[in-house]
Amino acid sequence: MSKYVLCIVLMILFVKLEPSMAVTCNPIELSSCASAITSSSPPSAMCCAKLKEQRPCLCQYMKNPNLQKFINSPNSRNVAIKCGSPFPSC
């Protein structure tokens, strides 16, 4: 799946969830990580910043059947590792 398709999917699935720890949960915030998740390219600084910001929301995203496959993908976990943001265990 190309990064553009992932961005479009995330935009379509835009879900505003309850804030957690003063973070507004918004999966579109992770669109800067699309290329790193869908390929082997390294995550950008923006991606890492957004991933760390949205980390409290990842468990909520994993419960969403439309987002689950992206959040649970091996590449997502690799991006988290490369960004130094431990992947949550939900």
Protein backbone atom coordinates (compact mmCIF):
# COMPACT_ATOMS: atom_id res chain seq x y z
CA MET A 1 0.00 0.00 0.00
CA SER A 2 1.52 3.31 -0.96
CA LYS A 3 2.01 6.12 1.52
CA TYR A 4 -0.58 8.17 -0.36
CA VAL A 5 -3.20 5.47 -0.02
CA LEU A 6 -2.42 5.16 3.69
CA CYS A 7 -2.81 8.92 4.12
CA ILE A 8 -6.13 8.86 2.32
CA VAL A 9 -7.32 5.90 4.39
CA LEU A 10 -6.33 7.69 7.58
CA MET A 11 -8.09 10.85 6.43
CA ILE A 12 -11.25 8.90 5.62
CA LEU A 13 -11.09 7.08 8.92
CA PHE A 14 -10.44 10.28 10.85
CA VAL A 15 -11.67 9.51 14.30
CA LYS A 16 -11.50 11.95 17.12
CA LEU A 17 -11.20 9.92 20.28
CA GLU A 18 -11.26 11.08 23.87
CA PRO A 19 -8.09 12.86 24.94
CA SER A 20 -5.64 10.86 26.96
CA MET A 21 -3.05 12.63 29.06
CA ALA A 22 -3.87 15.99 27.43
CA VAL A 23 -3.30 14.53 23.96
CA THR A 24 -5.95 14.88 21.29
CA CYS A 25 -6.12 11.43 19.74
CA ASN A 26 -6.16 11.91 16.01
CA PRO A 27 -4.78 9.14 13.77
CA ILE A 28 -4.18 11.60 10.93
CA GLU A 29 -1.38 13.03 13.08
CA LEU A 30 0.59 9.88 12.19
CA SER A 31 0.42 10.53 8.43
CA SER A 32 4.05 11.69 8.51
CA CYS A 33 4.91 8.07 9.35
CA ALA A 34 3.13 6.61 6.30
CA SER A 35 6.25 6.12 4.18
CA ALA A 36 8.18 4.53 7.05
CA ILE A 37 5.28 2.19 7.86
CA THR A 38 4.66 1.12 4.26
CA SER A 39 8.31 0.73 3.25
CA SER A 40 11.74 0.33 4.78
CA SER A 41 12.52 4.03 4.71
CA PRO A 42 13.64 5.49 8.02
CA PRO A 43 11.12 7.56 9.97
CA SER A 44 11.46 11.32 9.75
CA ALA A 45 11.98 13.54 12.79
CA MET A 46 8.39 14.72 12.35
CA CYS A 47 7.17 11.12 12.32
CA CYS A 48 9.03 10.34 15.55
CA ALA A 49 7.72 13.48 17.23
CA LYS A 50 4.13 12.68 16.25
CA LEU A 51 4.51 9.02 17.24
CA LYS A 52 5.71 10.03 20.70
CA GLU A 53 2.88 12.57 20.96
CA GLN A 54 0.24 10.04 19.89
CA ARG A 55 1.68 7.12 21.89
CA PRO A 56 -1.04 7.34 24.59
CA CYS A 57 -3.61 6.86 21.81
CA LEU A 58 -2.11 3.78 20.14
CA CYS A 59 -4.11 1.30 22.23
CA GLN A 60 -7.31 3.09 21.22
CA TYR A 61 -6.23 2.99 17.56
CA MET A 62 -5.51 -0.74 17.85
CA LYS A 63 -9.11 -1.31 18.93
CA ASN A 64 -10.37 0.34 15.75
CA PRO A 65 -10.69 -2.44 13.12
CA ASN A 66 -9.93 0.05 10.33
CA LEU A 67 -6.66 1.22 11.87
CA GLN A 68 -5.60 -1.99 13.59
CA LYS A 69 -3.76 -3.50 10.63
CA PHE A 70 -1.55 -0.41 10.26
CA ILE A 71 -0.80 0.04 13.96
CA ASN A 72 -0.12 -3.68 14.53
CA SER A 73 2.08 -4.10 11.45
CA PRO A 74 5.72 -5.17 11.91
CA ASN A 75 6.83 -1.95 10.20
CA SER A 76 4.91 0.14 12.75
CA ARG A 77 6.77 -1.60 15.54
CA ASN A 78 10.07 -1.03 13.74
CA VAL A 79 9.26 2.66 13.34
CA ALA A 80 8.52 2.88 17.07
CA ILE A 81 11.84 1.21 17.87
CA LYS A 82 13.76 3.50 15.49
CA CYS A 83 12.05 6.53 17.07
CA GLY A 84 12.92 5.36 20.58
CA SER A 85 9.24 5.17 21.53
CA PRO A 86 8.36 1.85 23.16
CA PHE A 87 5.37 0.19 21.55
CA PRO A 88 2.56 -0.12 24.09
CA SER A 89 1.34 -3.47 25.26
CA CYS A 90 -2.43 -3.19 25.40
